Amino acid sequence: MIFVGTDTTKLDFALARLAAAANVDLGLVIKQEAGNLAKTIMQITPPTGDKTSGGDAARTVGGGFIQKTKASGLSTNAKKQGENAIKGDLFGGKQMRKEMSIGLFQRIGKSREIKPKRERTEFAYIKLGNEFDNNKRIAIYRKFWRPNATIFEMMNFHKRYRNNRGRIGEVTRSKVGRWQVQDQMWVSNQSANDYLKFVQSKVGWAKAGFASAALSCGIRVPSWITKYASRSGRVQANFSTNPYVIATTSKNKIPNLQRLVDGAFRIREKITLSKVNAILVNRAANLGFAKISSSGVVEYNKET
């Protein structure tokens, strides 16, 4: 089990100051800011969305385009980014150095196995059936020729080659005698489509660990994340006397989760203190101790 914690002293102090400065119940402040904190963590947890200020279109894996929008880790753009990354890992098309990746799985399509001239049980000989390499013959590891692979078989193969971030790098090669073959499973189009749908449906799981906390504080969370909220996270909250929010996330494999949590706390600390300062400045101005220009510059009155 991995425990992730952080020092909440600064944020607690900032929240107490905000409640006092705004003259509102601390429970309301805790509810609002705890929800914003959970939202911030989900925003900066991958996928975070393709970002551009100009709304440019970016080419996706396998063809087509995705319209880039303003950065938002809770947008449909972020969901599509996650699905697109999965498609690239599984079936190729993502940029790897100067070449495009081939992916961990290969769709068989019209390719078929042919009987070898010599009996070599470790190899399967394949006649390619695509439009570019029609009639070309290649040899692959026989164990990689799995026309009717099940989701369970493909999942086990997938897990074998994932790194600690859950991603696939360059497809490795296995050496058999003087031959080298790619560690790439060949599957039917139906098996490929079923497994792609299965893995893409899990996009949002990492963010969902913090969705329960956000929802309990009245923050709206998109359905592609909330569908996993009850399985990925728990929350205990009290917004009356001695208010608190305790959130836990389980089965979360986010890389550098501690860094994300610490970063979210620092962001909310700054925002909360800026709210306190804004309230105090406006109060000072209303009491005649300062004046604020149209551009927002605060000028404090000098003692006479």
Protein backbone atom coordinates (compact mmCIF):
# COMPACT_ATOMS: atom_id res chain seq x y z
CA MET A 1 0.00 0.00 0.00
CA ILE A 2 1.26 3.48 -0.87
CA PHE A 3 0.41 6.26 1.58
CA VAL A 4 0.24 9.80 0.29
CA GLY A 5 -0.10 12.64 2.77
CA THR A 6 0.78 16.29 2.91
CA ASP A 7 1.18 19.09 5.44
CA THR A 8 -2.17 20.91 5.55
CA THR A 9 -1.14 23.48 8.17
CA LYS A 10 -0.79 26.42 5.76
CA LEU A 11 -4.08 25.69 4.00
CA ASP A 12 -5.90 25.20 7.32
CA PHE A 13 -4.61 28.57 8.51
CA ALA A 14 -5.61 30.22 5.21
CA LEU A 15 -9.13 28.78 5.46
CA ALA A 16 -9.56 29.99 9.03
CA ARG A 17 -8.40 33.47 8.00
CA LEU A 18 -10.81 33.45 5.05
CA ALA A 19 -13.76 32.49 7.26
CA ALA A 20 -12.88 35.21 9.75
CA ALA A 21 -12.29 37.86 7.09
CA ALA A 22 -15.52 37.06 5.23
CA ASN A 23 -17.45 36.64 8.49
CA VAL A 24 -18.95 33.32 7.38
CA ASP A 25 -19.17 29.92 9.05
CA LEU A 26 -15.93 27.92 8.81
CA GLY A 27 -17.91 24.85 7.71
CA LEU A 28 -19.07 26.64 4.54
CA VAL A 29 -15.50 27.69 3.77
CA ILE A 30 -14.19 24.15 4.35
CA LYS A 31 -16.90 22.73 2.08
CA GLN A 32 -16.17 25.16 -0.74
CA GLU A 33 -12.39 24.98 -0.57
CA ALA A 34 -12.22 21.19 -0.05
CA GLY A 35 -14.33 20.80 -3.16
CA ASN A 36 -12.06 23.15 -5.07
CA LEU A 37 -9.00 21.23 -3.85
CA ALA A 38 -10.43 17.90 -5.05
CA LYS A 39 -11.32 19.52 -8.37
CA THR A 40 -7.79 20.90 -8.73
CA ILE A 41 -6.27 17.44 -8.16
CA MET A 42 -8.55 15.99 -10.85
CA GLN A 43 -7.67 18.86 -13.21
CA ILE A 44 -3.92 18.20 -13.01
CA THR A 45 -4.21 14.40 -13.04
CA PRO A 46 -3.63 12.94 -16.54
CA PRO A 47 -5.25 13.11 -18.99
CA THR A 48 -5.34 16.89 -18.83
CA GLY A 49 -6.54 17.61 -22.38
CA ASP A 50 -4.85 18.97 -25.51
CA LYS A 51 -4.30 22.65 -24.88
CA THR A 52 -4.08 25.62 -27.19
CA SER A 53 -5.40 29.15 -27.10
CA GLY A 54 -6.20 29.16 -30.80
CA GLY A 55 -8.46 26.13 -30.97
CA ASP A 56 -6.21 24.35 -33.48
CA ALA A 57 -6.96 20.85 -34.73
CA ALA A 58 -4.48 18.06 -33.95
CA ARG A 59 -4.21 14.79 -35.86
CA THR A 60 -5.22 11.73 -33.83
CA VAL A 61 -3.87 8.20 -33.81
CA GLY A 62 -5.41 6.25 -36.66
CA GLY A 63 -6.48 9.31 -38.64
CA GLY A 64 -8.92 12.12 -38.05
CA PHE A 65 -8.55 15.24 -35.94
CA ILE A 66 -9.31 16.45 -32.43
CA GLN A 67 -10.14 20.08 -31.78
CA LYS A 68 -7.87 21.48 -29.11
CA THR A 69 -9.56 23.67 -26.53
CA LYS A 70 -8.73 25.55 -23.37
CA ALA A 71 -6.87 23.40 -20.84
CA SER A 72 -9.26 21.38 -18.70
CA GLY A 73 -8.69 18.00 -17.08
CA LEU A 74 -12.45 17.51 -16.69
CA SER A 75 -13.45 18.20 -20.30
CA THR A 76 -14.45 15.75 -23.03
CA ASN A 77 -11.24 16.86 -24.71
CA ALA A 78 -9.28 15.29 -21.81
CA LYS A 79 -11.33 12.10 -22.11
CA LYS A 80 -10.56 11.89 -25.83
CA GLN A 81 -6.88 12.52 -25.14
CA GLY A 82 -6.82 9.54 -22.76
CA GLU A 83 -8.65 7.31 -25.22
CA ASN A 84 -6.29 8.38 -27.99
CA ALA A 85 -3.22 7.56 -25.87
CA ILE A 86 -4.60 4.08 -25.21
CA LYS A 87 -5.22 3.51 -28.91
CA GLY A 88 -1.64 4.53 -29.67
CA ASP A 89 -0.24 2.14 -27.06
CA LEU A 90 -2.30 -0.78 -28.28
CA PHE A 91 -2.27 -0.34 -32.05
CA GLY A 92 0.45 2.18 -32.86
CA GLY A 93 0.44 5.50 -34.63
CA LYS A 94 2.09 7.61 -31.92
CA GLN A 95 5.34 9.45 -32.57
CA MET A 96 8.42 7.61 -31.27
CA ARG A 97 11.59 9.59 -31.97
CA LYS A 98 11.65 9.89 -35.78
CA GLU A 99 9.26 7.00 -36.47
CA MET A 100 5.68 6.08 -35.72
CA SER A 101 5.08 3.29 -33.19
CA ILE A 102 3.63 -0.03 -34.34
CA GLY A 103 1.67 -0.82 -31.18
CA LEU A 104 1.45 -3.90 -28.98
CA PHE A 105 -1.31 -5.55 -31.03
CA GLN A 106 -1.60 -6.08 -34.77
CA ARG A 107 -4.94 -6.46 -36.50
CA ILE A 108 -4.89 -9.56 -38.69
CA GLY A 109 -7.34 -8.20 -41.25
CA LYS A 110 -6.97 -10.29 -44.41
CA SER A 111 -3.59 -11.71 -43.44
CA ARG A 112 -3.49 -15.48 -43.03
CA GLU A 113 -1.21 -18.21 -41.79
CA ILE A 114 0.42 -20.39 -44.46
CA LYS A 115 2.03 -23.77 -44.12
CA PRO A 116 5.85 -23.43 -43.88
CA LYS A 117 8.19 -25.24 -46.27
CA ARG A 118 10.06 -26.55 -43.29
CA GLU A 119 8.56 -27.57 -40.00
CA ARG A 120 9.48 -24.91 -37.42
CA THR A 121 7.07 -25.16 -34.52
CA GLU A 122 8.22 -21.90 -32.88
CA PHE A 123 7.31 -19.82 -35.93
CA ALA A 124 4.13 -19.06 -37.81
CA TYR A 125 4.45 -17.89 -41.43
CA ILE A 126 2.02 -15.16 -42.39
CA LYS A 127 0.92 -13.94 -45.79
CA LEU A 128 0.06 -10.28 -45.37
CA GLY A 129 -3.25 -9.11 -46.71
CA ASN A 130 -3.06 -5.33 -46.41
CA GLU A 131 -3.00 -2.95 -49.37
CA PHE A 132 0.64 -1.97 -48.87
CA ASP A 133 2.29 -5.38 -48.39
CA ASN A 134 -0.13 -7.63 -50.26
CA ASN A 135 1.32 -11.13 -50.79
CA LYS A 136 4.39 -10.39 -48.68
CA ARG A 137 5.33 -13.20 -46.30
CA ILE A 138 6.75 -12.77 -42.82
CA ALA A 139 7.60 -15.03 -39.89
CA ILE A 140 6.35 -14.32 -36.37
CA TYR A 141 6.52 -16.12 -33.07
CA ARG A 142 3.72 -18.71 -33.20
CA LYS A 143 2.54 -17.80 -29.71
CA PHE A 144 1.83 -14.28 -31.00
CA TRP A 145 -0.64 -15.50 -33.64
CA ARG A 146 -3.90 -15.32 -31.66
CA PRO A 147 -6.80 -14.76 -34.10
CA ASN A 148 -9.50 -15.36 -31.48
CA ALA A 149 -7.77 -13.83 -28.46
CA THR A 150 -10.05 -13.08 -25.52
CA ILE A 151 -10.04 -9.84 -23.53
CA PHE A 152 -8.43 -11.77 -20.65
CA GLU A 153 -5.58 -13.03 -22.88
CA MET A 154 -4.98 -9.59 -24.35
CA MET A 155 -5.08 -7.99 -20.90
CA ASN A 156 -2.40 -10.35 -19.56
CA PHE A 157 -0.22 -9.69 -22.63
CA HIS A 158 -0.77 -5.94 -22.21
CA LYS A 159 0.19 -6.00 -18.49
CA ARG A 160 3.45 -7.79 -19.30
CA TYR A 161 4.79 -4.86 -21.31
CA ARG A 162 3.42 -1.85 -19.40
CA ASN A 163 5.84 0.38 -17.52
CA ASN A 164 5.29 1.85 -14.03
CA ARG A 165 3.20 4.63 -15.60
CA GLY A 166 0.91 2.07 -17.24
CA ARG A 167 2.16 3.03 -20.71
CA ILE A 168 3.84 1.10 -23.55
CA GLY A 169 7.21 2.18 -24.94
CA GLU A 170 8.77 0.80 -28.07
CA VAL A 171 7.68 -2.75 -28.86
CA THR A 172 10.42 -5.15 -27.78
CA ARG A 173 11.91 -8.02 -29.80
CA SER A 174 12.47 -11.66 -28.90
CA LYS A 175 15.44 -13.61 -30.25
CA VAL A 176 14.99 -17.17 -31.44
CA GLY A 177 18.22 -18.54 -32.87
CA ARG A 178 19.36 -16.02 -35.46
CA TRP A 179 15.85 -14.65 -35.83
CA GLN A 180 14.37 -11.63 -34.06
CA VAL A 181 10.62 -11.19 -33.94
CA GLN A 182 8.53 -8.35 -32.56
CA ASP A 183 6.62 -8.98 -29.34
CA GLN A 184 3.35 -8.08 -30.99
CA MET A 185 0.16 -10.14 -30.70
CA TRP A 186 -1.81 -10.66 -33.91
CA VAL A 187 -5.56 -10.62 -33.28
CA SER A 188 -8.79 -10.47 -35.26
CA ASN A 189 -10.50 -7.14 -35.88
CA GLN A 190 -13.28 -8.19 -33.50
CA SER A 191 -10.86 -9.04 -30.69
CA ALA A 192 -9.01 -5.77 -31.30
CA ASN A 193 -12.19 -3.69 -31.16
CA ASP A 194 -13.48 -5.46 -28.05
CA TYR A 195 -10.25 -4.95 -26.12
CA LEU A 196 -9.84 -1.33 -27.23
CA LYS A 197 -13.36 -0.58 -26.00
CA PHE A 198 -12.66 -2.40 -22.72
CA VAL A 199 -9.48 -0.43 -21.94
CA GLN A 200 -10.79 2.94 -23.13
CA SER A 201 -13.82 2.56 -20.85
CA LYS A 202 -11.43 2.87 -17.89
CA VAL A 203 -10.37 6.41 -18.78
CA GLY A 204 -11.23 8.54 -15.76
CA TRP A 205 -10.42 5.91 -13.11
CA ALA A 206 -7.35 7.81 -11.82
CA LYS A 207 -9.34 11.03 -11.40
CA ALA A 208 -12.30 9.21 -9.84
CA GLY A 209 -10.39 8.64 -6.61
CA PHE A 210 -11.00 12.30 -5.78
CA ALA A 211 -14.49 12.57 -7.30
CA SER A 212 -16.29 11.42 -4.14
CA ALA A 213 -14.74 14.27 -2.18
CA ALA A 214 -15.64 16.79 -4.87
CA LEU A 215 -19.24 15.54 -5.09
CA SER A 216 -19.72 15.66 -1.32
CA CYS A 217 -18.74 19.34 -1.47
CA GLY A 218 -21.18 20.19 -4.24
CA ILE A 219 -18.70 20.21 -7.15
CA ARG A 220 -20.01 18.98 -10.49
CA VAL A 221 -17.97 16.14 -12.02
CA PRO A 222 -18.52 14.67 -15.53
CA SER A 223 -20.09 11.21 -15.81
CA TRP A 224 -17.00 9.61 -17.42
CA ILE A 225 -15.28 10.15 -14.05
CA THR A 226 -18.14 9.73 -11.57
CA LYS A 227 -19.00 6.23 -12.85
CA TYR A 228 -15.92 4.98 -10.97
CA ALA A 229 -16.17 7.31 -7.96
CA SER A 230 -17.66 4.81 -5.48
CA ARG A 231 -15.10 2.13 -6.43
CA SER A 232 -12.04 4.36 -6.51
CA GLY A 233 -12.52 6.75 -3.58
CA ARG A 234 -14.14 7.28 -0.19
CA VAL A 235 -14.97 10.43 1.73
CA GLN A 236 -15.93 11.41 5.28
CA ALA A 237 -17.13 14.97 5.78
CA ASN A 238 -18.60 17.19 8.46
CA PHE A 239 -19.47 20.83 7.77
CA SER A 240 -20.98 21.83 11.13
CA THR A 241 -19.00 21.96 14.40
CA ASN A 242 -15.30 21.23 13.95
CA PRO A 243 -15.66 20.81 10.16
CA TYR A 244 -13.42 18.45 8.20
CA VAL A 245 -13.13 16.45 4.98
CA ILE A 246 -11.19 13.16 4.89
CA ALA A 247 -10.77 11.68 1.41
CA THR A 248 -9.09 8.40 0.47
CA THR A 249 -8.35 6.88 -2.92
CA SER A 250 -7.66 3.20 -3.57
CA LYS A 251 -6.15 1.17 -6.43
CA ASN A 252 -4.73 4.39 -7.81
CA LYS A 253 -1.68 3.95 -10.04
CA ILE A 254 -1.02 7.61 -10.84
CA PRO A 255 2.73 8.17 -11.18
CA ASN A 256 4.07 10.82 -8.78
CA LEU A 257 0.74 11.05 -6.95
CA GLN A 258 2.45 12.75 -4.00
CA ARG A 259 3.73 15.52 -6.29
CA LEU A 260 0.23 16.10 -7.71
CA VAL A 261 -1.36 16.31 -4.26
CA ASP A 262 1.32 18.67 -2.94
CA GLY A 263 0.98 20.83 -6.06
CA ALA A 264 -2.80 21.06 -5.66
CA PHE A 265 -2.44 22.12 -2.02
CA ARG A 266 0.03 24.86 -2.95
CA ILE A 267 -2.32 26.14 -5.65
CA ARG A 268 -5.27 26.33 -3.25
CA GLU A 269 -3.16 27.94 -0.51
CA LYS A 270 -2.25 30.82 -2.84
CA ILE A 271 -5.82 31.23 -4.09
CA THR A 272 -7.29 31.16 -0.59
CA LEU A 273 -4.82 33.74 0.73
CA SER A 274 -5.50 35.94 -2.30
CA LYS A 275 -9.20 35.85 -1.36
CA VAL A 276 -8.33 36.87 2.19
CA ASN A 277 -6.18 39.75 0.95
CA ALA A 278 -8.91 40.90 -1.45
CA ILE A 279 -11.46 40.97 1.37
CA LEU A 280 -9.12 42.85 3.71
CA VAL A 281 -8.11 45.37 1.03
CA ASN A 282 -11.75 46.08 0.14
CA ARG A 283 -12.62 46.40 3.82
CA ALA A 284 -9.74 48.82 4.33
CA ALA A 285 -10.94 50.86 1.39
CA ASN A 286 -14.51 50.90 2.69
CA LEU A 287 -13.30 52.11 6.09
CA GLY A 288 -11.28 54.90 4.49
CA PHE A 289 -7.84 53.44 5.12
CA ALA A 290 -7.08 52.90 1.39
CA LYS A 291 -8.38 53.56 -2.09
CA ILE A 292 -8.41 51.34 -5.18
CA SER A 293 -7.87 52.71 -8.68
CA SER A 294 -9.86 51.60 -11.73
CA SER A 295 -6.92 49.37 -12.70
CA GLY A 296 -7.01 47.59 -9.33
CA VAL A 297 -3.96 49.25 -7.76
CA VAL A 298 -4.31 49.62 -3.98
CA GLU A 299 -3.01 52.88 -2.49
CA TYR A 300 -2.95 53.04 1.31
CA ASN A 301 -3.54 56.43 2.95
CA LYS A 302 -0.47 57.85 4.66
CA GLU A 303 -0.59 58.96 8.24
CA THR A 304 -0.87 62.71 8.69
